[in-house]
Amino acid sequence: MDKDRCFVRNSSVSYKLIGDELIIVDPYRHKLLRLNNVGRVIWELLDGRYSIVQITDILGEQFDVTRETIEKDVSRFISLLFKRELIK
C-alpha cells in the first residue's frame, strides 16, 4: 500500500460516536464495526487530507507506542477499511 496515499471515508457509510466508541455501519455487509479510541482517530483523519505517513505521525504524538507498531496497525486497519469499501 502506498504510504503517501490519502484516503477518504465513503460517503455511503454511516457512523456515530457513542460514548468512547465510534460505530460504523457497513452498508455492504449489513454489519456494525466498533472502533476503539485509536480506530476513531484514524477514521476521523480519513478525510482525503492525510496520508498514511501523516496519520502515523499524528498517532505517534498522541499514543505511547513505537512507530513500527503504529505503522503496521495503521496500514492493516486502512487495508481492512479499503477492502470493505468503507474508504476510497
Protein backbone atom coordinates (compact mmCIF):
# COMPACT_ATOMS: atom_id res chain seq x y z
CA MET A 1 0.00 0.00 0.00
CA ASP A 2 1.28 3.46 -0.94
CA LYS A 3 2.05 5.22 2.33
CA ASP A 4 1.76 8.64 0.69
CA ARG A 5 -1.79 7.98 -0.49
CA CYS A 6 -4.65 9.91 1.10
CA PHE A 7 -7.91 8.08 1.69
CA VAL A 8 -11.39 9.46 2.23
CA ARG A 9 -14.39 7.96 4.01
CA ASN A 10 -17.05 6.54 1.70
CA SER A 11 -20.00 8.96 1.78
CA SER A 12 -22.42 5.99 1.74
CA VAL A 13 -21.15 4.84 5.12
CA SER A 14 -22.93 6.00 8.28
CA TYR A 15 -21.17 6.31 11.61
CA LYS A 16 -21.88 7.62 15.07
CA LEU A 17 -19.91 8.29 18.23
CA ILE A 18 -21.47 6.54 21.23
CA GLY A 19 -19.55 7.15 24.42
CA ASP A 20 -15.90 6.37 23.65
CA GLU A 21 -16.73 4.09 20.72
CA LEU A 22 -17.26 5.03 17.12
CA ILE A 23 -19.78 2.76 15.44
CA ILE A 24 -19.57 2.37 11.66
CA VAL A 25 -22.43 0.83 9.71
CA ASP A 26 -21.10 -1.32 6.88
CA PRO A 27 -23.85 -0.95 4.25
CA TYR A 28 -22.46 -3.72 2.07
CA ARG A 29 -22.28 -6.45 4.70
CA HIS A 30 -25.06 -5.14 6.98
CA LYS A 31 -22.73 -5.23 9.96
CA LEU A 32 -21.53 -2.81 12.61
CA LEU A 33 -17.86 -2.07 13.13
CA ARG A 34 -16.94 -0.81 16.61
CA LEU A 35 -13.79 1.28 16.79
CA ASN A 36 -11.73 1.95 19.88
CA ASN A 37 -10.09 5.32 20.50
CA VAL A 38 -7.19 4.68 18.10
CA GLY A 39 -9.53 3.47 15.35
CA ARG A 40 -11.72 6.52 15.92
CA VAL A 41 -8.78 8.89 15.49
CA ILE A 42 -7.74 7.13 12.27
CA TRP A 43 -11.33 7.22 10.94
CA GLU A 44 -11.60 10.94 11.68
CA LEU A 45 -8.34 11.59 9.80
CA LEU A 46 -9.57 9.77 6.70
CA ASP A 47 -10.86 12.95 5.09
CA GLY A 48 -8.63 12.98 2.00
CA ARG A 49 -6.08 15.38 3.51
CA TYR A 50 -3.82 12.98 5.42
CA SER A 51 -1.57 10.25 4.07
CA ILE A 52 -0.78 7.05 5.93
CA VAL A 53 2.58 8.58 6.88
CA GLN A 54 0.90 11.68 8.29
CA ILE A 55 -1.69 9.63 10.18
CA THR A 56 1.15 7.56 11.66
CA ASP A 57 2.92 10.76 12.75
CA ILE A 58 -0.22 12.13 14.39
CA LEU A 59 -0.85 8.88 16.28
CA GLY A 60 2.79 8.80 17.36
CA GLU A 61 2.28 12.16 19.07
CA GLN A 62 -0.92 11.03 20.83
CA PHE A 63 -0.09 7.47 21.91
CA ASP A 64 2.93 5.96 23.65
CA VAL A 65 3.65 3.18 21.13
CA THR A 66 6.62 2.52 18.84
CA ARG A 67 6.46 3.96 15.33
CA GLU A 68 6.87 0.47 13.86
CA THR A 69 3.80 -0.77 15.74
CA ILE A 70 1.76 2.27 14.72
CA GLU A 71 2.77 1.89 11.05
CA LYS A 72 1.74 -1.77 11.00
CA ASP A 73 -1.55 -1.12 12.78
CA VAL A 74 -2.48 1.88 10.62
CA SER A 75 -1.64 0.05 7.38
CA ARG A 76 -3.56 -3.05 8.46
CA PHE A 77 -6.61 -1.05 9.56
CA ILE A 78 -6.70 1.11 6.42
CA SER A 79 -6.33 -2.01 4.25
CA LEU A 80 -9.31 -3.56 6.02
CA LEU A 81 -11.44 -0.44 5.54
CA PHE A 82 -10.42 -0.24 1.89
CA LYS A 83 -11.22 -3.91 1.21
CA ARG A 84 -14.65 -3.41 2.80
CA GLU A 85 -15.15 -0.31 0.60
CA LEU A 86 -15.63 1.88 3.67
CA ILE A 87 -12.96 4.27 2.35
CA LYS A 88 -11.82 5.26 -1.13
